[in-house]
């Protein structure tokens, strides 16, 4: 199933970048990400860090690719997958596993100085870089999806460059899993188990011959 969560995150961040400082969003929290993204993210955390000691661990693109069995978001269907939504909103991030088993994710929503293919840029993107991705020749060469993603990334680099005042801190929290209930024998079964040996029936699990 397609996951388009990164679109709303991107649009909110771009709109936020035009607001006066006093009106800007202070941070992105759980409420700023859709349920599909949060569910996939929690499964990833439980699978990779559920058995680890409390502490802070860095999460890389390789970690996400290995778990979700994905490659670049530019591969067919990769951009609008659960992995694609996580990689294009969080990217590389830190996860803090607390002693009680809960998780905290910290990151910053901004755009580093690379193009849509991960190649380093020698300058901050400009509007000309945005339009070059939307040119008919680029769309014919790269395809509409890749061109649109490239344009969005260039525009994000213009408005929300890494380390800028428009960057938005991310703070996502998942509570500790509920404790596993301890199975206790039924009271009547327990009474029968205690009384049976008195009448020569032996253990109910190992009946007398």
N, C-alpha and C. Protein backbone atom coordinates (compact mmCIF):
# COMPACT_ATOMS: atom_id res chain seq x y z
N UNK A 1 0.85 -1.20 0.00
CA UNK A 1 0.00 0.00 0.00
C UNK A 1 0.88 1.24 0.00
N UNK A 2 0.53 2.21 -0.82
CA UNK A 2 1.34 3.43 -0.93
C UNK A 2 1.22 4.27 0.34
N UNK A 3 2.30 4.94 0.66
CA UNK A 3 2.34 5.82 1.82
C UNK A 3 2.78 7.20 1.33
N UNK A 4 1.88 8.18 1.43
CA UNK A 4 2.15 9.53 0.95
C UNK A 4 2.40 10.51 2.10
N UNK A 5 2.78 9.98 3.25
CA UNK A 5 2.93 10.81 4.44
C UNK A 5 3.95 11.93 4.30
N UNK A 6 5.00 11.69 3.51
CA UNK A 6 6.04 12.71 3.41
C UNK A 6 5.58 13.96 2.67
N UNK A 7 4.50 13.84 1.89
CA UNK A 7 4.01 15.00 1.16
C UNK A 7 3.46 16.04 2.12
N UNK A 8 2.61 15.61 3.07
CA UNK A 8 2.05 16.58 4.02
C UNK A 8 3.13 17.14 4.92
N UNK A 9 4.10 16.30 5.30
CA UNK A 9 5.20 16.78 6.13
C UNK A 9 6.00 17.86 5.41
N UNK A 10 6.28 17.61 4.13
CA UNK A 10 7.03 18.57 3.31
C UNK A 10 6.25 19.87 3.14
N UNK A 11 4.97 19.76 2.83
CA UNK A 11 4.18 20.96 2.58
C UNK A 11 4.06 21.82 3.85
N UNK A 12 3.87 21.16 5.00
CA UNK A 12 3.80 21.91 6.25
C UNK A 12 5.12 22.62 6.55
N UNK A 13 6.23 21.92 6.27
CA UNK A 13 7.54 22.52 6.54
C UNK A 13 7.81 23.70 5.62
N UNK A 14 7.44 23.57 4.35
CA UNK A 14 7.62 24.69 3.41
C UNK A 14 6.77 25.88 3.83
N UNK A 15 5.49 25.63 4.15
CA UNK A 15 4.63 26.71 4.61
C UNK A 15 5.17 27.35 5.88
N UNK A 16 5.70 26.52 6.76
CA UNK A 16 6.26 27.02 8.01
C UNK A 16 7.44 27.95 7.77
N UNK A 17 8.20 27.68 6.71
CA UNK A 17 9.40 28.48 6.43
C UNK A 17 9.06 29.92 6.03
N UNK A 18 7.81 30.17 5.65
CA UNK A 18 7.40 31.52 5.26
C UNK A 18 6.77 32.30 6.41
N UNK A 19 6.54 31.63 7.52
CA UNK A 19 5.90 32.29 8.66
C UNK A 19 6.90 33.13 9.45
N UNK A 20 6.43 34.17 10.12
CA UNK A 20 7.31 34.93 11.03
C UNK A 20 7.83 34.00 12.13
N UNK A 21 8.99 34.31 12.67
CA UNK A 21 9.64 33.43 13.65
C UNK A 21 8.73 33.08 14.82
N UNK A 22 7.96 34.04 15.29
CA UNK A 22 7.12 33.78 16.45
C UNK A 22 5.95 32.86 16.16
N UNK A 23 5.67 32.61 14.88
CA UNK A 23 4.53 31.77 14.51
C UNK A 23 4.96 30.42 13.96
N UNK A 24 6.24 30.17 13.87
CA UNK A 24 6.71 28.92 13.30
C UNK A 24 6.53 27.74 14.26
N UNK A 25 6.39 26.56 13.67
CA UNK A 25 6.28 25.33 14.46
C UNK A 25 7.57 25.10 15.25
N UNK A 26 7.44 24.81 16.53
CA UNK A 26 8.62 24.61 17.37
C UNK A 26 9.26 23.26 17.14
N UNK A 27 8.44 22.23 16.89
CA UNK A 27 8.99 20.90 16.62
C UNK A 27 7.91 20.01 16.00
N UNK A 28 8.37 18.98 15.32
CA UNK A 28 7.47 17.93 14.82
C UNK A 28 7.40 16.83 15.88
N UNK A 29 6.17 16.39 16.19
CA UNK A 29 5.98 15.31 17.15
C UNK A 29 5.15 14.20 16.49
N UNK A 30 4.70 13.25 17.28
CA UNK A 30 3.93 12.12 16.75
C UNK A 30 2.76 12.57 15.89
N UNK A 31 2.10 13.64 16.29
CA UNK A 31 0.91 14.10 15.59
C UNK A 31 1.19 14.59 14.17
N UNK A 32 2.44 14.84 13.85
CA UNK A 32 2.79 15.36 12.53
C UNK A 32 3.12 14.27 11.51
N UNK A 33 2.98 13.00 11.92
CA UNK A 33 3.27 11.89 11.02
C UNK A 33 2.06 10.96 10.95
N UNK A 34 1.79 10.41 9.78
CA UNK A 34 0.60 9.58 9.63
C UNK A 34 0.78 8.22 10.30
N UNK A 35 -0.33 7.51 10.47
CA UNK A 35 -0.32 6.25 11.20
C UNK A 35 0.53 5.19 10.51
N UNK A 36 0.50 5.17 9.18
CA UNK A 36 1.28 4.17 8.45
C UNK A 36 2.78 4.33 8.71
N UNK A 37 3.23 5.56 8.70
CA UNK A 37 4.65 5.82 8.95
C UNK A 37 5.03 5.45 10.38
N UNK A 38 4.20 5.82 11.34
CA UNK A 38 4.50 5.53 12.75
C UNK A 38 4.47 4.03 13.02
N UNK A 39 3.52 3.31 12.41
CA UNK A 39 3.45 1.86 12.60
C UNK A 39 4.70 1.18 12.05
N UNK A 40 5.10 1.55 10.84
CA UNK A 40 6.29 0.97 10.23
C UNK A 40 7.54 1.31 11.04
N UNK A 41 7.59 2.53 11.53
CA UNK A 41 8.75 2.97 12.31
C UNK A 41 8.85 2.21 13.62
N UNK A 42 7.72 2.00 14.29
CA UNK A 42 7.75 1.26 15.56
C UNK A 42 8.15 -0.20 15.34
N UNK A 43 7.67 -0.81 14.27
CA UNK A 43 8.07 -2.19 13.97
C UNK A 43 9.58 -2.27 13.73
N UNK A 44 10.11 -1.29 13.02
CA UNK A 44 11.56 -1.24 12.79
C UNK A 44 12.31 -1.13 14.11
N UNK A 45 11.87 -0.26 14.99
CA UNK A 45 12.54 -0.07 16.28
C UNK A 45 12.47 -1.33 17.13
N UNK A 46 11.32 -1.94 17.20
CA UNK A 46 11.17 -3.15 18.02
C UNK A 46 12.04 -4.29 17.50
N UNK A 47 12.10 -4.41 16.16
CA UNK A 47 12.88 -5.49 15.57
C UNK A 47 14.38 -5.29 15.75
N UNK A 48 14.85 -4.06 15.71
CA UNK A 48 16.28 -3.79 15.72
C UNK A 48 16.83 -3.37 17.07
N UNK A 49 15.98 -2.82 17.94
CA UNK A 49 16.49 -2.30 19.21
C UNK A 49 15.71 -2.80 20.42
N UNK A 50 14.71 -3.64 20.17
CA UNK A 50 13.88 -4.14 21.27
C UNK A 50 14.66 -4.92 22.30
N UNK A 51 15.68 -5.66 21.87
CA UNK A 51 16.46 -6.49 22.80
C UNK A 51 17.76 -5.83 23.23
N UNK A 52 17.99 -4.59 22.81
CA UNK A 52 19.25 -3.93 23.16
C UNK A 52 19.15 -3.21 24.50
N UNK A 53 20.31 -2.94 25.06
CA UNK A 53 20.36 -2.20 26.32
C UNK A 53 19.89 -0.77 26.11
N UNK A 54 19.49 -0.14 27.19
CA UNK A 54 19.09 1.27 27.12
C UNK A 54 20.28 2.10 26.64
N UNK A 55 20.00 3.08 25.82
CA UNK A 55 21.06 3.94 25.29
C UNK A 55 20.62 4.60 24.01
N UNK A 56 21.50 5.39 23.42
CA UNK A 56 21.22 6.11 22.18
C UNK A 56 21.96 5.44 21.02
N UNK A 57 21.24 5.18 19.95
CA UNK A 57 21.80 4.48 18.80
C UNK A 57 21.54 5.29 17.53
N UNK A 58 22.55 5.43 16.66
CA UNK A 58 22.33 6.09 15.37
C UNK A 58 21.68 5.14 14.38
N UNK A 59 20.77 5.64 13.59
CA UNK A 59 20.10 4.85 12.55
C UNK A 59 20.49 5.43 11.20
N UNK A 60 20.97 4.58 10.31
CA UNK A 60 21.43 5.02 9.00
C UNK A 60 20.47 4.57 7.90
N UNK A 61 20.69 5.08 6.70
CA UNK A 61 19.90 4.64 5.56
C UNK A 61 20.11 3.14 5.32
N UNK A 62 21.33 2.67 5.53
CA UNK A 62 21.60 1.24 5.35
C UNK A 62 20.78 0.40 6.32
N UNK A 63 20.64 0.87 7.56
CA UNK A 63 19.83 0.14 8.54
C UNK A 63 18.38 0.03 8.05
N UNK A 64 17.86 1.13 7.53
CA UNK A 64 16.48 1.12 7.03
C UNK A 64 16.35 0.24 5.80
N UNK A 65 17.32 0.34 4.89
CA UNK A 65 17.26 -0.48 3.68
C UNK A 65 17.35 -1.96 4.00
N UNK A 66 18.19 -2.33 4.96
CA UNK A 66 18.33 -3.74 5.32
C UNK A 66 17.05 -4.29 5.91
N UNK A 67 16.40 -3.51 6.74
CA UNK A 67 15.18 -4.00 7.39
C UNK A 67 14.01 -4.06 6.40
N UNK A 68 13.83 -3.00 5.62
CA UNK A 68 12.69 -2.94 4.70
C UNK A 68 12.98 -3.60 3.35
N UNK A 69 14.20 -4.08 3.16
CA UNK A 69 14.60 -4.72 1.90
C UNK A 69 14.39 -3.77 0.73
N UNK A 70 14.90 -2.54 0.90
CA UNK A 70 14.75 -1.52 -0.13
C UNK A 70 16.11 -0.97 -0.54
N UNK A 71 16.09 -0.15 -1.57
CA UNK A 71 17.29 0.55 -2.02
C UNK A 71 16.98 2.04 -2.05
N UNK A 72 17.31 2.71 -3.13
CA UNK A 72 17.05 4.15 -3.23
C UNK A 72 15.55 4.42 -3.33
N UNK A 73 15.13 5.57 -2.79
CA UNK A 73 13.72 5.94 -2.91
C UNK A 73 13.34 6.22 -4.36
N UNK A 74 14.33 6.36 -5.24
CA UNK A 74 14.05 6.63 -6.64
C UNK A 74 13.77 5.36 -7.43
N UNK A 75 13.94 4.20 -6.79
CA UNK A 75 13.55 2.97 -7.46
C UNK A 75 12.03 2.92 -7.59
N UNK A 76 11.55 2.07 -8.47
CA UNK A 76 10.12 1.98 -8.71
C UNK A 76 9.36 1.70 -7.42
N UNK A 77 8.44 2.61 -7.07
CA UNK A 77 7.62 2.42 -5.89
C UNK A 77 8.30 2.75 -4.58
N UNK A 78 9.60 3.06 -4.61
CA UNK A 78 10.32 3.26 -3.36
C UNK A 78 9.99 4.55 -2.65
N UNK A 79 9.65 5.58 -3.40
CA UNK A 79 9.41 6.88 -2.79
C UNK A 79 8.16 6.87 -1.92
N UNK A 80 7.10 6.24 -2.40
CA UNK A 80 5.84 6.26 -1.68
C UNK A 80 5.56 4.93 -0.98
N UNK A 81 6.61 4.37 -0.43
CA UNK A 81 6.49 3.18 0.43
C UNK A 81 6.67 3.62 1.88
N UNK A 82 6.46 2.70 2.83
CA UNK A 82 6.69 3.04 4.24
C UNK A 82 8.15 3.42 4.45
N UNK A 83 9.06 2.66 3.84
CA UNK A 83 10.48 2.99 3.97
C UNK A 83 10.78 4.34 3.34
N UNK A 84 10.16 4.61 2.19
CA UNK A 84 10.37 5.90 1.53
C UNK A 84 9.88 7.06 2.37
N UNK A 85 8.74 6.88 3.02
CA UNK A 85 8.20 7.94 3.88
C UNK A 85 9.15 8.22 5.04
N UNK A 86 9.72 7.16 5.62
CA UNK A 86 10.65 7.35 6.74
C UNK A 86 11.94 8.00 6.28
N UNK A 87 12.46 7.53 5.15
CA UNK A 87 13.75 8.05 4.68
C UNK A 87 13.67 9.49 4.19
N UNK A 88 12.51 9.89 3.68
CA UNK A 88 12.40 11.26 3.18
C UNK A 88 11.87 12.25 4.22
N UNK A 89 11.53 11.77 5.41
CA UNK A 89 11.16 12.68 6.49
C UNK A 89 12.20 12.68 7.60
N UNK A 90 12.69 11.49 7.94
CA UNK A 90 13.70 11.38 8.99
C UNK A 90 15.10 11.23 8.42
N UNK A 91 15.23 10.37 7.41
CA UNK A 91 16.58 10.09 6.89
C UNK A 91 17.36 9.34 7.93
N UNK A 92 18.59 9.77 8.19
CA UNK A 92 19.38 9.22 9.29
C UNK A 92 18.96 9.94 10.57
N UNK A 93 18.77 9.19 11.65
CA UNK A 93 18.29 9.79 12.89
C UNK A 93 18.85 9.04 14.09
N UNK A 94 18.55 9.52 15.27
CA UNK A 94 18.97 8.87 16.51
C UNK A 94 17.76 8.31 17.23
N UNK A 95 17.93 7.13 17.81
CA UNK A 95 16.89 6.55 18.63
C UNK A 95 17.43 6.33 20.04
N UNK A 96 16.69 6.81 20.99
CA UNK A 96 17.05 6.64 22.40
C UNK A 96 16.12 5.60 23.00
N UNK A 97 16.70 4.44 23.37
CA UNK A 97 15.91 3.43 24.05
C UNK A 97 16.03 3.67 25.55
N UNK A 98 14.91 3.91 26.19
CA UNK A 98 14.91 4.19 27.61
C UNK A 98 14.91 2.89 28.42
N UNK A 99 15.27 2.96 29.70
CA UNK A 99 15.30 1.74 30.54
C UNK A 99 13.96 1.02 30.62
N UNK A 100 12.85 1.74 30.48
CA UNK A 100 11.54 1.08 30.57
C UNK A 100 11.09 0.47 29.24
N UNK A 101 11.95 0.55 28.20
CA UNK A 101 11.62 -0.04 26.90
C UNK A 101 10.95 0.91 25.93
N UNK A 102 10.69 2.13 26.34
CA UNK A 102 10.11 3.11 25.42
C UNK A 102 11.19 3.66 24.49
N UNK A 103 10.76 4.28 23.39
CA UNK A 103 11.68 4.81 22.40
C UNK A 103 11.43 6.30 22.19
N UNK A 104 12.52 7.03 21.99
CA UNK A 104 12.44 8.43 21.58
C UNK A 104 13.30 8.63 20.34
N UNK A 105 12.71 9.23 19.31
CA UNK A 105 13.45 9.53 18.08
C UNK A 105 13.70 11.02 18.02
N UNK A 106 14.94 11.38 17.78
CA UNK A 106 15.29 12.79 17.63
C UNK A 106 15.99 13.01 16.29
N UNK A 107 15.64 14.09 15.67
CA UNK A 107 16.22 14.42 14.36
C UNK A 107 15.88 15.89 14.08
N UNK A 108 16.26 16.35 12.91
CA UNK A 108 15.91 17.70 12.47
C UNK A 108 15.42 17.62 11.03
N UNK A 109 14.27 18.23 10.77
CA UNK A 109 13.75 18.25 9.41
C UNK A 109 14.39 19.41 8.67
N UNK A 110 15.34 19.06 7.81
CA UNK A 110 16.00 20.04 6.95
C UNK A 110 16.57 19.30 5.76
N UNK A 111 17.25 20.00 4.89
CA UNK A 111 17.77 19.41 3.66
C UNK A 111 19.27 19.68 3.56
N UNK A 112 20.05 18.59 3.56
CA UNK A 112 21.49 18.79 3.42
C UNK A 112 21.84 19.14 1.97
N UNK A 113 23.07 19.53 1.78
CA UNK A 113 23.47 20.07 0.48
C UNK A 113 23.87 18.95 -0.48
N UNK A 114 22.85 18.15 -0.86
CA UNK A 114 23.04 17.11 -1.86
C UNK A 114 21.86 17.14 -2.82
N UNK A 115 22.06 16.56 -4.00
CA UNK A 115 20.95 16.52 -4.95
C UNK A 115 20.10 15.28 -4.68
N UNK A 116 19.13 15.03 -5.56
CA UNK A 116 18.20 13.93 -5.35
C UNK A 116 18.86 12.56 -5.45
N UNK A 117 20.09 12.51 -5.97
CA UNK A 117 20.81 11.24 -6.08
C UNK A 117 21.87 11.07 -5.00
N UNK A 118 21.93 12.03 -4.08
CA UNK A 118 22.91 11.96 -3.01
C UNK A 118 24.25 12.56 -3.35
N UNK A 119 24.36 13.19 -4.51
CA UNK A 119 25.62 13.83 -4.90
C UNK A 119 25.76 15.19 -4.22
N UNK A 120 26.93 15.51 -3.69
CA UNK A 120 27.10 16.79 -2.98
C UNK A 120 26.97 17.98 -3.93
N UNK A 121 26.37 19.05 -3.42
CA UNK A 121 26.24 20.30 -4.16
C UNK A 121 27.25 21.30 -3.63
N UNK A 122 27.78 22.14 -4.51
CA UNK A 122 28.77 23.12 -4.07
C UNK A 122 28.14 24.46 -3.68
N UNK A 123 26.80 24.52 -3.73
CA UNK A 123 26.11 25.74 -3.34
C UNK A 123 24.69 25.41 -2.90
N UNK A 124 24.07 26.36 -2.23
CA UNK A 124 22.67 26.20 -1.85
C UNK A 124 21.80 26.23 -3.11
N UNK A 125 20.84 25.32 -3.21
CA UNK A 125 19.99 25.30 -4.42
C UNK A 125 19.28 26.63 -4.65
N UNK A 126 19.00 26.90 -5.91
CA UNK A 126 18.30 28.12 -6.30
C UNK A 126 17.01 27.74 -7.02
N UNK A 127 16.21 28.77 -7.32
CA UNK A 127 14.98 28.50 -8.06
C UNK A 127 15.28 27.95 -9.45
N UNK A 128 16.43 28.32 -9.99
CA UNK A 128 16.83 27.77 -11.28
C UNK A 128 17.03 26.27 -11.20
N UNK A 129 17.55 25.76 -10.07
CA UNK A 129 17.72 24.32 -9.90
C UNK A 129 16.36 23.62 -9.83
N UNK A 130 15.40 24.29 -9.20
CA UNK A 130 14.05 23.72 -9.13
C UNK A 130 13.47 23.59 -10.54
N UNK A 131 13.55 24.66 -11.31
CA UNK A 131 12.95 24.67 -12.63
C UNK A 131 13.67 23.73 -13.60
N UNK A 132 14.97 23.54 -13.40
CA UNK A 132 15.71 22.64 -14.29
C UNK A 132 15.20 21.21 -14.14
N UNK A 133 14.75 20.84 -12.93
CA UNK A 133 14.20 19.49 -12.71
C UNK A 133 12.84 19.33 -13.38
N UNK A 134 12.15 20.45 -13.60
CA UNK A 134 10.81 20.40 -14.18
C UNK A 134 10.83 20.70 -15.68
N UNK A 135 11.99 20.82 -16.25
CA UNK A 135 12.07 21.10 -17.68
C UNK A 135 11.60 19.87 -18.47
N UNK A 136 11.01 20.09 -19.64
CA UNK A 136 10.55 18.96 -20.45
C UNK A 136 11.65 17.95 -20.75
N UNK A 137 12.86 18.45 -21.00
CA UNK A 137 13.96 17.53 -21.32
C UNK A 137 14.31 16.65 -20.12
N UNK A 138 14.29 17.23 -18.92
CA UNK A 138 14.61 16.44 -17.74
C UNK A 138 13.52 15.42 -17.44
N UNK A 139 12.26 15.83 -17.64
CA UNK A 139 11.16 14.91 -17.41
C UNK A 139 11.21 13.75 -18.41
N UNK A 140 11.54 14.05 -19.67
CA UNK A 140 11.66 12.98 -20.66
C UNK A 140 12.81 12.05 -20.34
N UNK A 141 13.89 12.60 -19.80
CA UNK A 141 15.07 11.80 -19.50
C UNK A 141 14.93 11.00 -18.21
N UNK A 142 14.44 11.66 -17.15
CA UNK A 142 14.41 11.02 -15.83
C UNK A 142 13.04 10.43 -15.48
N UNK A 143 12.00 10.91 -16.15
CA UNK A 143 10.65 10.51 -15.79
C UNK A 143 10.02 11.56 -14.88
N UNK A 144 8.69 11.59 -14.87
CA UNK A 144 7.99 12.64 -14.12
C UNK A 144 8.22 12.50 -12.62
N UNK A 145 8.13 11.28 -12.10
CA UNK A 145 8.27 11.07 -10.66
C UNK A 145 9.62 11.53 -10.12
N UNK A 146 10.69 11.12 -10.77
CA UNK A 146 12.03 11.50 -10.33
C UNK A 146 12.25 13.00 -10.49
N UNK A 147 11.71 13.55 -11.55
CA UNK A 147 11.86 15.00 -11.78
C UNK A 147 11.14 15.80 -10.71
N UNK A 148 9.95 15.36 -10.37
CA UNK A 148 9.18 16.07 -9.34
C UNK A 148 9.86 15.95 -7.98
N UNK A 149 10.39 14.76 -7.67
CA UNK A 149 11.11 14.58 -6.41
C UNK A 149 12.35 15.48 -6.38
N UNK A 150 13.07 15.53 -7.51
CA UNK A 150 14.25 16.39 -7.57
C UNK A 150 13.91 17.85 -7.36
N UNK A 151 12.80 18.29 -7.97
CA UNK A 151 12.38 19.69 -7.81
C UNK A 151 12.01 19.97 -6.35
N UNK A 152 11.30 19.02 -5.72
CA UNK A 152 10.91 19.20 -4.32
C UNK A 152 12.15 19.26 -3.43
N UNK A 153 13.11 18.41 -3.71
CA UNK A 153 14.34 18.42 -2.90
C UNK A 153 15.11 19.73 -3.07
N UNK A 154 15.18 20.24 -4.29
CA UNK A 154 15.87 21.51 -4.51
C UNK A 154 15.14 22.66 -3.80
N UNK A 155 13.81 22.63 -3.86
CA UNK A 155 13.04 23.69 -3.20
C UNK A 155 13.19 23.60 -1.68
N UNK A 156 13.21 22.37 -1.17
CA UNK A 156 13.46 22.18 0.26
C UNK A 156 14.83 22.71 0.65
N UNK A 157 15.82 22.48 -0.21
CA UNK A 157 17.16 23.00 0.08
C UNK A 157 17.22 24.51 0.06
N UNK A 158 16.35 25.13 -0.74
CA UNK A 158 16.27 26.59 -0.76
C UNK A 158 15.67 27.14 0.53
N UNK A 159 14.54 26.55 0.93
CA UNK A 159 13.76 27.10 2.04
C UNK A 159 14.20 26.58 3.41
N UNK A 160 14.68 25.34 3.46
CA UNK A 160 15.00 24.72 4.76
C UNK A 160 16.38 24.08 4.69
N UNK A 161 17.42 24.86 4.40
CA UNK A 161 18.77 24.26 4.34
C UNK A 161 19.22 23.77 5.71
N UNK A 162 20.11 22.81 5.69
CA UNK A 162 20.62 22.22 6.92
C UNK A 162 21.22 23.30 7.83
N UNK A 163 20.81 23.30 9.09
CA UNK A 163 21.34 24.25 10.06
C UNK A 163 20.70 25.61 10.04
N UNK A 164 19.69 25.81 9.20
CA UNK A 164 19.06 27.13 9.11
C UNK A 164 18.02 27.31 10.21
N UNK A 165 17.55 28.53 10.35
CA UNK A 165 16.52 28.83 11.35
C UNK A 165 15.17 28.23 10.97
N UNK A 166 15.01 27.82 9.72
CA UNK A 166 13.77 27.19 9.29
C UNK A 166 13.74 25.68 9.55
N UNK A 167 14.87 25.12 9.97
CA UNK A 167 14.91 23.69 10.28
C UNK A 167 14.00 23.40 11.48
N UNK A 168 13.35 22.25 11.46
CA UNK A 168 12.37 21.90 12.50
C UNK A 168 12.85 20.69 13.29
N UNK A 169 13.06 20.83 14.59
CA UNK A 169 13.43 19.67 15.41
C UNK A 169 12.32 18.61 15.37
N UNK A 170 12.71 17.35 15.40
CA UNK A 170 11.76 16.23 15.42
C UNK A 170 11.91 15.49 16.74
N UNK A 171 10.79 15.22 17.38
CA UNK A 171 10.79 14.50 18.66
C UNK A 171 9.59 13.56 18.67
N UNK A 172 9.84 12.29 18.36
CA UNK A 172 8.79 11.27 18.30
C UNK A 172 8.98 10.30 19.45
N UNK A 173 7.90 9.97 20.13
CA UNK A 173 8.00 9.08 21.28
C UNK A 173 7.02 7.91 21.16
N UNK A 174 7.52 6.72 21.49
CA UNK A 174 6.70 5.53 21.55
C UNK A 174 6.76 4.98 22.97
N UNK A 175 5.61 4.75 23.61
CA UNK A 175 5.63 4.27 24.99
C UNK A 175 6.17 2.85 25.09
N UNK A 176 6.52 2.46 26.31
CA UNK A 176 7.00 1.10 26.55
C UNK A 176 5.89 0.10 26.23
N UNK A 177 6.23 -1.08 25.72
CA UNK A 177 5.20 -2.08 25.44
C UNK A 177 4.56 -2.54 26.74
N UNK A 178 3.28 -2.93 26.70
CA UNK A 178 2.62 -3.40 27.92
C UNK A 178 3.28 -4.67 28.43
N UNK A 179 3.30 -4.88 29.75
CA UNK A 179 3.92 -6.10 30.28
C UNK A 179 3.17 -7.34 29.83
N UNK A 180 3.92 -8.43 29.64
CA UNK A 180 3.31 -9.70 29.24
C UNK A 180 2.58 -10.29 30.44
N UNK A 181 1.28 -10.58 30.32
CA UNK A 181 0.56 -11.12 31.47
C UNK A 181 1.07 -12.50 31.87
N UNK A 182 1.14 -12.74 33.16
CA UNK A 182 1.57 -14.04 33.68
C UNK A 182 0.36 -14.96 33.75
N UNK A 183 0.45 -16.10 33.10
CA UNK A 183 -0.65 -17.05 33.09
C UNK A 183 -0.72 -17.77 34.43
N UNK A 184 -1.85 -17.62 35.11
CA UNK A 184 -2.04 -18.27 36.40
C UNK A 184 -3.12 -19.34 36.25
N UNK A 185 -2.95 -20.47 36.94
CA UNK A 185 -3.94 -21.55 36.83
C UNK A 185 -5.29 -21.12 37.40
N UNK A 186 -6.34 -21.65 36.81
CA UNK A 186 -7.67 -21.43 37.32
C UNK A 186 -7.75 -21.91 38.77
N UNK A 187 -8.48 -21.18 39.62
CA UNK A 187 -8.54 -21.53 41.04
C UNK A 187 -9.07 -22.94 41.23
N UNK A 188 -10.11 -23.33 40.49
CA UNK A 188 -10.68 -24.66 40.65
C UNK A 188 -9.69 -25.72 40.21
N UNK A 189 -8.96 -25.47 39.10
CA UNK A 189 -7.96 -26.43 38.65
C UNK A 189 -6.86 -26.58 39.67
N UNK A 190 -6.47 -25.45 40.30
CA UNK A 190 -5.43 -25.51 41.31
C UNK A 190 -5.89 -26.34 42.51
N UNK A 191 -7.15 -26.17 42.92
CA UNK A 191 -7.66 -26.93 44.06
C UNK A 191 -7.71 -28.42 43.76
N UNK A 192 -8.11 -28.77 42.53
CA UNK A 192 -8.15 -30.18 42.14
C UNK A 192 -6.75 -30.76 42.14
N UNK A 193 -5.77 -30.00 41.62
CA UNK A 193 -4.40 -30.47 41.56
C UNK A 193 -3.84 -30.71 42.95
N UNK A 194 -4.28 -29.91 43.93
CA UNK A 194 -3.77 -30.06 45.29
C UNK A 194 -4.46 -31.20 46.02
N UNK A 195 -5.74 -31.42 45.71
CA UNK A 195 -6.51 -32.45 46.42
C UNK A 195 -6.29 -33.84 45.84
N UNK A 196 -6.07 -33.94 44.53
CA UNK A 196 -5.98 -35.24 43.86
C UNK A 196 -5.00 -36.20 44.49
N UNK A 197 -3.78 -35.76 44.83
CA UNK A 197 -2.84 -36.74 45.41
C UNK A 197 -3.34 -37.34 46.71
N UNK A 198 -4.20 -36.62 47.44
CA UNK A 198 -4.69 -37.14 48.71
C UNK A 198 -5.58 -38.36 48.52
N UNK A 199 -6.14 -38.51 47.31
CA UNK A 199 -7.03 -39.63 47.03
C UNK A 199 -6.35 -40.68 46.15
N UNK A 200 -5.03 -40.57 46.04
CA UNK A 200 -4.29 -41.60 45.32
C UNK A 200 -4.31 -41.45 43.82
N UNK A 201 -4.69 -40.25 43.33
CA UNK A 201 -4.74 -40.08 41.88
C UNK A 201 -3.40 -39.61 41.32
N UNK A 202 -2.46 -39.26 42.19
CA UNK A 202 -1.17 -38.78 41.73
C UNK A 202 -1.29 -37.45 41.03
N UNK A 203 -0.26 -37.09 40.31
CA UNK A 203 -0.27 -35.82 39.57
C UNK A 203 -1.20 -35.87 38.40
N UNK A 204 -1.92 -34.77 38.16
CA UNK A 204 -2.80 -34.72 37.02
C UNK A 204 -2.01 -34.72 35.70
N UNK A 205 -0.76 -34.26 35.75
CA UNK A 205 0.06 -34.26 34.54
C UNK A 205 0.70 -35.63 34.32
N UNK A 206 0.89 -36.39 35.44
CA UNK A 206 1.46 -37.73 35.33
C UNK A 206 0.54 -38.68 36.11
N UNK A 207 -0.58 -39.05 35.51
CA UNK A 207 -1.55 -39.90 36.21
C UNK A 207 -0.93 -41.21 36.68
N UNK A 208 -1.46 -41.70 37.81
CA UNK A 208 -0.98 -42.99 38.34
C UNK A 208 -1.43 -44.11 37.40
N UNK A 209 -0.60 -45.11 37.26
CA UNK A 209 -0.95 -46.25 36.40
C UNK A 209 -1.92 -47.16 37.11
